[in-house]
PDB file of N, CA and C in Angstrom:
ATOM      1  N   MET A   1      42.179 -23.303  14.171  1.00  0.00           N
ATOM      2  CA  MET A   1      43.413 -23.920  14.631  1.00  0.00           C
ATOM      3  C   MET A   1      43.434 -23.836  16.158  1.00  0.00           C
ATOM      4  N   TYR A   2      43.751 -24.944  16.785  1.00  0.00           N
ATOM      5  CA  TYR A   2      43.878 -24.973  18.231  1.00  0.00           C
ATOM      6  C   TYR A   2      45.043 -25.875  18.602  1.00  0.00           C
ATOM      7  N   TRP A   3      45.701 -25.526  19.671  1.00  0.00           N
ATOM      8  CA  TRP A   3      46.815 -26.315  20.168  1.00  0.00           C
ATOM      9  C   TRP A   3      46.533 -26.728  21.603  1.00  0.00           C
ATOM     10  N   THR A   4      46.983 -27.915  21.943  1.00  0.00           N
ATOM     11  CA  THR A   4      46.966 -28.381  23.326  1.00  0.00           C
ATOM     12  C   THR A   4      48.380 -28.831  23.652  1.00  0.00           C
ATOM     13  N   LEU A   5      48.653 -29.055  24.905  1.00  0.00           N
ATOM     14  CA  LEU A   5      49.983 -29.544  25.275  1.00  0.00           C
ATOM     15  C   LEU A   5      50.275 -30.878  24.606  1.00  0.00           C
ATOM     16  N   GLU A   6      49.265 -31.721  24.520  1.00  0.00           N
ATOM     17  CA  GLU A   6      49.467 -33.031  23.897  1.00  0.00           C
ATOM     18  C   GLU A   6      49.816 -32.888  22.420  1.00  0.00           C
ATOM     19  N   LEU A   7      49.094 -32.038  21.695  1.00  0.00           N
ATOM     20  CA  LEU A   7      49.387 -31.850  20.272  1.00  0.00           C
ATOM     21  C   LEU A   7      50.757 -31.210  20.071  1.00  0.00           C
ATOM     22  N   ALA A   8      51.077 -30.209  20.871  1.00  0.00           N
ATOM     23  CA  ALA A   8      52.363 -29.528  20.737  1.00  0.00           C
ATOM     24  C   ALA A   8      53.525 -30.457  21.077  1.00  0.00           C
ATOM     25  N   SER A   9      53.287 -31.432  21.932  1.00  0.00           N
ATOM     26  CA  SER A   9      54.369 -32.353  22.321  1.00  0.00           C
ATOM     27  C   SER A   9      54.895 -33.151  21.134  1.00  0.00           C
ATOM     28  N   TYR A  10      54.091 -33.310  20.095  1.00  0.00           N
ATOM     29  CA  TYR A  10      54.550 -34.032  18.907  1.00  0.00           C
ATOM     30  C   TYR A  10      55.590 -33.245  18.122  1.00  0.00           C
ATOM     31  N   LEU A  11      55.713 -31.964  18.403  1.00  0.00           N
ATOM     32  CA  LEU A  11      56.692 -31.131  17.702  1.00  0.00           C
ATOM     33  C   LEU A  11      57.928 -30.829  18.537  1.00  0.00           C
ATOM     34  N   GLU A  12      58.007 -31.371  19.746  1.00  0.00           N
ATOM     35  CA  GLU A  12      59.154 -31.093  20.611  1.00  0.00           C
ATOM     36  C   GLU A  12      60.478 -31.521  19.979  1.00  0.00           C
ATOM     37  N   ASP A  13      60.476 -32.632  19.266  1.00  0.00           N
ATOM     38  CA  ASP A  13      61.708 -33.130  18.658  1.00  0.00           C
ATOM     39  C   ASP A  13      61.855 -32.721  17.204  1.00  0.00           C
ATOM     40  N   ALA A  14      61.052 -31.778  16.770  1.00  0.00           N
ATOM     41  CA  ALA A  14      61.126 -31.310  15.378  1.00  0.00           C
ATOM     42  C   ALA A  14      62.496 -30.690  15.115  1.00  0.00           C
ATOM     43  N   PRO A  15      62.910 -30.710  13.862  1.00  0.00           N
ATOM     44  CA  PRO A  15      64.234 -30.154  13.520  1.00  0.00           C
ATOM     45  C   PRO A  15      64.214 -28.623  13.460  1.00  0.00           C
ATOM     46  N   TRP A  16      64.169 -27.993  14.631  1.00  0.00           N
ATOM     47  CA  TRP A  16      64.131 -26.525  14.698  1.00  0.00           C
ATOM     48  C   TRP A  16      65.465 -25.951  14.296  1.00  0.00           C
ATOM     49  N   PRO A  17      65.581 -24.835  13.661  1.00  0.00           N
ATOM     50  CA  PRO A  17      64.530 -24.078  12.992  1.00  0.00           C
ATOM     51  C   PRO A  17      64.021 -24.834  11.768  1.00  0.00           C
ATOM     52  N   ALA A  18      62.744 -24.586  11.424  1.00  0.00           N
ATOM     53  CA  ALA A  18      62.127 -25.326  10.323  1.00  0.00           C
ATOM     54  C   ALA A  18      61.074 -24.460   9.640  1.00  0.00           C
ATOM     55  N   SER A  19      60.848 -24.777   8.379  1.00  0.00           N
ATOM     56  CA  SER A  19      59.789 -24.098   7.631  1.00  0.00           C
ATOM     57  C   SER A  19      58.469 -24.833   7.866  1.00  0.00           C
ATOM     58  N   LYS A  20      57.405 -24.258   7.397  1.00  0.00           N
ATOM     59  CA  LYS A  20      56.086 -24.870   7.537  1.00  0.00           C
ATOM     60  C   LYS A  20      56.078 -26.254   6.881  1.00  0.00           C
ATOM     61  N   ASP A  21      56.616 -26.351   5.662  1.00  0.00           N
ATOM     62  CA  ASP A  21      56.630 -27.637   4.951  1.00  0.00           C
ATOM     63  C   ASP A  21      57.470 -28.679   5.679  1.00  0.00           C
ATOM     64  N   GLU A  22      58.590 -28.263   6.261  1.00  0.00           N
ATOM     65  CA  GLU A  22      59.428 -29.200   7.011  1.00  0.00           C
ATOM     66  C   GLU A  22      58.705 -29.713   8.246  1.00  0.00           C
ATOM     67  N   LEU A  23      57.961 -28.848   8.909  1.00  0.00           N
ATOM     68  CA  LEU A  23      57.216 -29.266  10.090  1.00  0.00           C
ATOM     69  C   LEU A  23      56.087 -30.223   9.731  1.00  0.00           C
ATOM     70  N   ILE A  24      55.405 -29.956   8.626  1.00  0.00           N
ATOM     71  CA  ILE A  24      54.344 -30.864   8.170  1.00  0.00           C
ATOM     72  C   ILE A  24      54.946 -32.211   7.827  1.00  0.00           C
ATOM     73  N   ASP A  25      56.058 -32.212   7.116  1.00  0.00           N
ATOM     74  CA  ASP A  25      56.738 -33.458   6.764  1.00  0.00           C
ATOM     75  C   ASP A  25      57.154 -34.225   8.007  1.00  0.00           C
ATOM     76  N   PHE A  26      57.698 -33.530   8.988  1.00  0.00           N
ATOM     77  CA  PHE A  26      58.111 -34.164  10.236  1.00  0.00           C
ATOM     78  C   PHE A  26      56.908 -34.787  10.942  1.00  0.00           C
ATOM     79  N   ALA A  27      55.808 -34.038  11.010  1.00  0.00           N
ATOM     80  CA  ALA A  27      54.607 -34.543  11.674  1.00  0.00           C
ATOM     81  C   ALA A  27      54.086 -35.803  10.979  1.00  0.00           C
ATOM     82  N   LEU A  28      54.095 -35.814   9.673  1.00  0.00           N
ATOM     83  CA  LEU A  28      53.625 -36.986   8.930  1.00  0.00           C
ATOM     84  C   LEU A  28      54.550 -38.183   9.133  1.00  0.00           C
ATOM     85  N   ARG A  29      55.859 -37.945   9.093  1.00  0.00           N
ATOM     86  CA  ARG A  29      56.820 -39.046   9.236  1.00  0.00           C
ATOM     87  C   ARG A  29      56.816 -39.654  10.629  1.00  0.00           C
ATOM     88  N   THR A  30      56.511 -38.839  11.641  1.00  0.00           N
ATOM     89  CA  THR A  30      56.556 -39.350  13.012  1.00  0.00           C
ATOM     90  C   THR A  30      55.210 -39.867  13.495  1.00  0.00           C
ATOM     91  N   GLY A  31      54.195 -39.809  12.641  1.00  0.00           N
ATOM     92  CA  GLY A  31      52.898 -40.348  13.022  1.00  0.00           C
ATOM     93  C   GLY A  31      52.108 -39.466  13.968  1.00  0.00           C
ATOM     94  N   ALA A  32      52.306 -38.168  13.873  1.00  0.00           N
ATOM     95  CA  ALA A  32      51.548 -37.239  14.716  1.00  0.00           C
ATOM     96  C   ALA A  32      50.071 -37.300  14.331  1.00  0.00           C
ATOM     97  N   PRO A  33      49.190 -37.004  15.255  1.00  0.00           N
ATOM     98  CA  PRO A  33      47.752 -37.011  14.951  1.00  0.00           C
ATOM     99  C   PRO A  33      47.410 -36.038  13.822  1.00  0.00           C
ATOM    100  N   LEU A  34      46.319 -36.320  13.156  1.00  0.00           N
ATOM    101  CA  LEU A  34      45.871 -35.489  12.043  1.00  0.00           C
ATOM    102  C   LEU A  34      45.671 -34.037  12.460  1.00  0.00           C
ATOM    103  N   GLU A  35      45.278 -33.802  13.704  1.00  0.00           N
ATOM    104  CA  GLU A  35      45.057 -32.435  14.183  1.00  0.00           C
ATOM    105  C   GLU A  35      46.339 -31.602  14.129  1.00  0.00           C
ATOM    106  N   VAL A  36      47.482 -32.231  14.391  1.00  0.00           N
ATOM    107  CA  VAL A  36      48.762 -31.522  14.337  1.00  0.00           C
ATOM    108  C   VAL A  36      49.034 -31.077  12.902  1.00  0.00           C
ATOM    109  N   VAL A  37      48.843 -31.986  11.954  1.00  0.00           N
ATOM    110  CA  VAL A  37      49.073 -31.656  10.537  1.00  0.00           C
ATOM    111  C   VAL A  37      48.110 -30.567  10.092  1.00  0.00           C
ATOM    112  N   GLU A  38      46.841 -30.670  10.491  1.00  0.00           N
ATOM    113  CA  GLU A  38      45.857 -29.652  10.116  1.00  0.00           C
ATOM    114  C   GLU A  38      46.214 -28.292  10.699  1.00  0.00           C
ATOM    115  N   ASN A  39      46.663 -28.263  11.940  1.00  0.00           N
ATOM    116  CA  ASN A  39      47.072 -26.996  12.560  1.00  0.00           C
ATOM    117  C   ASN A  39      48.243 -26.387  11.803  1.00  0.00           C
ATOM    118  N   LEU A  40      49.194 -27.207  11.422  1.00  0.00           N
ATOM    119  CA  LEU A  40      50.351 -26.700  10.683  1.00  0.00           C
ATOM    120  C   LEU A  40      49.937 -26.195   9.299  1.00  0.00           C
ATOM    121  N   GLN A  41      48.992 -26.870   8.660  1.00  0.00           N
ATOM    122  CA  GLN A  41      48.531 -26.440   7.346  1.00  0.00           C
ATOM    123  C   GLN A  41      47.776 -25.121   7.424  1.00  0.00           C
ATOM    124  N   ASP A  42      47.163 -24.826   8.571  1.00  0.00           N
ATOM    125  CA  ASP A  42      46.419 -23.578   8.745  1.00  0.00           C
ATOM    126  C   ASP A  42      47.314 -22.362   8.933  1.00  0.00           C
ATOM    127  N   ILE A  43      48.587 -22.581   9.190  1.00  0.00           N
ATOM    128  CA  ILE A  43      49.524 -21.462   9.364  1.00  0.00           C
ATOM    129  C   ILE A  43      49.730 -20.778   8.019  1.00  0.00           C
ATOM    130  N   GLU A  44      49.709 -19.441   8.031  1.00  0.00           N
ATOM    131  CA  GLU A  44      49.968 -18.698   6.802  1.00  0.00           C
ATOM    132  C   GLU A  44      51.393 -18.974   6.346  1.00  0.00           C
ATOM    133  N   ASP A  45      51.534 -19.288   5.056  1.00  0.00           N
ATOM    134  CA  ASP A  45      52.862 -19.623   4.531  1.00  0.00           C
ATOM    135  C   ASP A  45      53.449 -18.414   3.814  1.00  0.00           C
ATOM    136  N   ASP A  46      54.284 -17.694   4.529  1.00  0.00           N
ATOM    137  CA  ASP A  46      54.959 -16.550   3.926  1.00  0.00           C
ATOM    138  C   ASP A  46      56.461 -16.798   3.825  1.00  0.00           C
ATOM    139  N   GLY A  47      56.831 -18.090   3.843  1.00  0.00           N
ATOM    140  CA  GLY A  47      58.233 -18.446   3.734  1.00  0.00           C
ATOM    141  C   GLY A  47      59.001 -18.282   5.026  1.00  0.00           C
ATOM    142  N   GLU A  48      58.291 -18.049   6.099  1.00  0.00           N
ATOM    143  CA  GLU A  48      58.906 -17.817   7.401  1.00  0.00           C
ATOM    144  C   GLU A  48      59.531 -19.100   7.951  1.00  0.00           C
ATOM    145  N   ILE A  49      60.658 -18.939   8.613  1.00  0.00           N
ATOM    146  CA  ILE A  49      61.314 -20.051   9.310  1.00  0.00           C
ATOM    147  C   ILE A  49      60.963 -19.924  10.785  1.00  0.00           C
ATOM    148  N   PHE A  50      60.461 -21.009  11.353  1.00  0.00           N
ATOM    149  CA  PHE A  50      60.078 -21.020  12.758  1.00  0.00           C
ATOM    150  C   PHE A  50      61.244 -21.533  13.591  1.00  0.00           C
ATOM    151  N   GLU A  51      61.610 -20.764  14.600  1.00  0.00           N
ATOM    152  CA  GLU A  51      62.746 -21.110  15.451  1.00  0.00           C
ATOM    153  C   GLU A  51      62.370 -22.101  16.541  1.00  0.00           C
ATOM    154  N   THR A  52      61.163 -21.949  17.112  1.00  0.00           N
ATOM    155  CA  THR A  52      60.699 -22.812  18.199  1.00  0.00           C
ATOM    156  C   THR A  52      59.184 -22.953  18.103  1.00  0.00           C
ATOM    157  N   ILE A  53      58.633 -23.800  18.948  1.00  0.00           N
ATOM    158  CA  ILE A  53      57.190 -23.976  19.004  1.00  0.00           C
ATOM    159  C   ILE A  53      56.495 -22.681  19.403  1.00  0.00           C
ATOM    160  N   GLU A  54      57.180 -21.813  20.150  1.00  0.00           N
ATOM    161  CA  GLU A  54      56.583 -20.544  20.554  1.00  0.00           C
ATOM    162  C   GLU A  54      56.273 -19.651  19.361  1.00  0.00           C
ATOM    163  N   ASP A  55      56.981 -19.828  18.250  1.00  0.00           N
ATOM    164  CA  ASP A  55      56.689 -19.057  17.044  1.00  0.00           C
ATOM    165  C   ASP A  55      55.359 -19.482  16.424  1.00  0.00           C
ATOM    166  N   ILE A  56      54.966 -20.722  16.669  1.00  0.00           N
ATOM    167  CA  ILE A  56      53.709 -21.241  16.133  1.00  0.00           C
ATOM    168  C   ILE A  56      52.582 -21.035  17.131  1.00  0.00           C
ATOM    169  N   TRP A  57      52.866 -21.331  18.387  1.00  0.00           N
ATOM    170  CA  TRP A  57      51.873 -21.205  19.465  1.00  0.00           C
ATOM    171  C   TRP A  57      52.462 -20.289  20.531  1.00  0.00           C
ATOM    172  N   PRO A  58      52.209 -18.975  20.436  1.00  0.00           N
ATOM    173  CA  PRO A  58      52.818 -18.018  21.366  1.00  0.00           C
ATOM    174  C   PRO A  58      52.493 -18.284  22.832  1.00  0.00           C
ATOM    175  N   ASP A  59      51.393 -18.945  23.112  1.00  0.00           N
ATOM    176  CA  ASP A  59      51.011 -19.225  24.497  1.00  0.00           C
ATOM    177  C   ASP A  59      51.553 -20.550  25.008  1.00  0.00           C
ATOM    178  N   TYR A  60      52.496 -21.144  24.299  1.00  0.00           N
ATOM    179  CA  TYR A  60      53.059 -22.424  24.723  1.00  0.00           C
ATOM    180  C   TYR A  60      53.677 -22.272  26.108  1.00  0.00           C
ATOM    181  N   PRO A  61      53.243 -23.098  27.044  1.00  0.00           N
ATOM    182  CA  PRO A  61      53.757 -22.952  28.417  1.00  0.00           C
ATOM    183  C   PRO A  61      55.236 -23.339  28.528  1.00  0.00           C
ATOM    184  N   THR A  62      55.943 -22.569  29.309  1.00  0.00           N
ATOM    185  CA  THR A  62      57.356 -22.865  29.554  1.00  0.00           C
ATOM    186  C   THR A  62      57.501 -23.350  30.993  1.00  0.00           C
ATOM    187  N   LYS A  63      58.714 -23.714  31.378  1.00  0.00           N
ATOM    188  CA  LYS A  63      58.946 -24.168  32.751  1.00  0.00           C
ATOM    189  C   LYS A  63      58.529 -23.115  33.768  1.00  0.00           C
ATOM    190  N   GLU A  64      58.714 -21.856  33.430  1.00  0.00           N
ATOM    191  CA  GLU A  64      58.374 -20.785  34.358  1.00  0.00           C
ATOM    192  C   GLU A  64      56.871 -20.698  34.606  1.00  0.00           C
ATOM    193  N   ASP A  65      56.065 -21.244  33.698  1.00  0.00           N
ATOM    194  CA  ASP A  65      54.615 -21.196  33.858  1.00  0.00           C
ATOM    195  C   ASP A  65      54.111 -22.159  34.918  1.00  0.00           C
ATOM    196  N   PHE A  66      54.919 -23.118  35.273  1.00  0.00           N
ATOM    197  CA  PHE A  66      54.524 -24.080  36.284  1.00  0.00           C
ATOM    198  C   PHE A  66      55.185 -23.696  37.597  1.00  0.00           C
ATOM    199  N   PHE A  67      54.445 -23.733  38.659  1.00  0.00           N
ATOM    200  CA  PHE A  67      54.966 -23.325  39.950  1.00  0.00           C
ATOM    201  C   PHE A  67      55.593 -24.534  40.656  1.00  0.00           C
ATOM    202  N   PHE A  68      56.672 -25.001  40.093  1.00  0.00           N
ATOM    203  CA  PHE A  68      57.345 -26.176  40.609  1.00  0.00           C
ATOM    204  C   PHE A  68      58.755 -25.760  41.030  1.00  0.00           C
ATOM    205  N   ASN A  69      59.059 -25.918  42.268  1.00  0.00           N
ATOM    206  CA  ASN A  69      60.361 -25.542  42.773  1.00  0.00           C
ATOM    207  C   ASN A  69      61.273 -26.763  42.747  1.00  0.00           C
ATOM    208  N   GLU A  70      62.162 -26.819  41.765  1.00  0.00           N
ATOM    209  CA  GLU A  70      63.054 -27.967  41.610  1.00  0.00           C
ATOM    210  C   GLU A  70      64.021 -28.120  42.767  1.00  0.00           C
ATOM    211  N   ASP A  71      64.307 -27.036  43.503  1.00  0.00           N
ATOM    212  CA  ASP A  71      65.243 -27.096  44.612  1.00  0.00           C
ATOM    213  C   ASP A  71      64.688 -27.876  45.798  1.00  0.00           C
ATOM    214  N   GLU A  72      63.378 -28.019  45.857  1.00  0.00           N
ATOM    215  CA  GLU A  72      62.768 -28.722  46.976  1.00  0.00           C
ATOM    216  C   GLU A  72      62.908 -30.230  46.847  1.00  0.00           C
ATOM    217  N   TYR A  73      63.209 -30.712  45.658  1.00  0.00           N
ATOM    218  CA  TYR A  73      63.255 -32.165  45.443  1.00  0.00           C
ATOM    219  C   TYR A  73      64.633 -32.656  45.073  1.00  0.00           C
TER     220      TYR A  73
END
């Protein structure tokens, strides 16, 4: 299983919080690439509800990860 920013972007509008099955269904309905569905299927299904993309991909970059000073613009 691997995630990229492009693949993770397909889950930005997902109905959070969501279960694994709900996320797979969302990915299929929205036409996400097959890699997104495969990554979601690789997640262990213990009935866990995922609150955000960070629960699936802990290294998901946040705004703080980018050195962009919004006050300058």
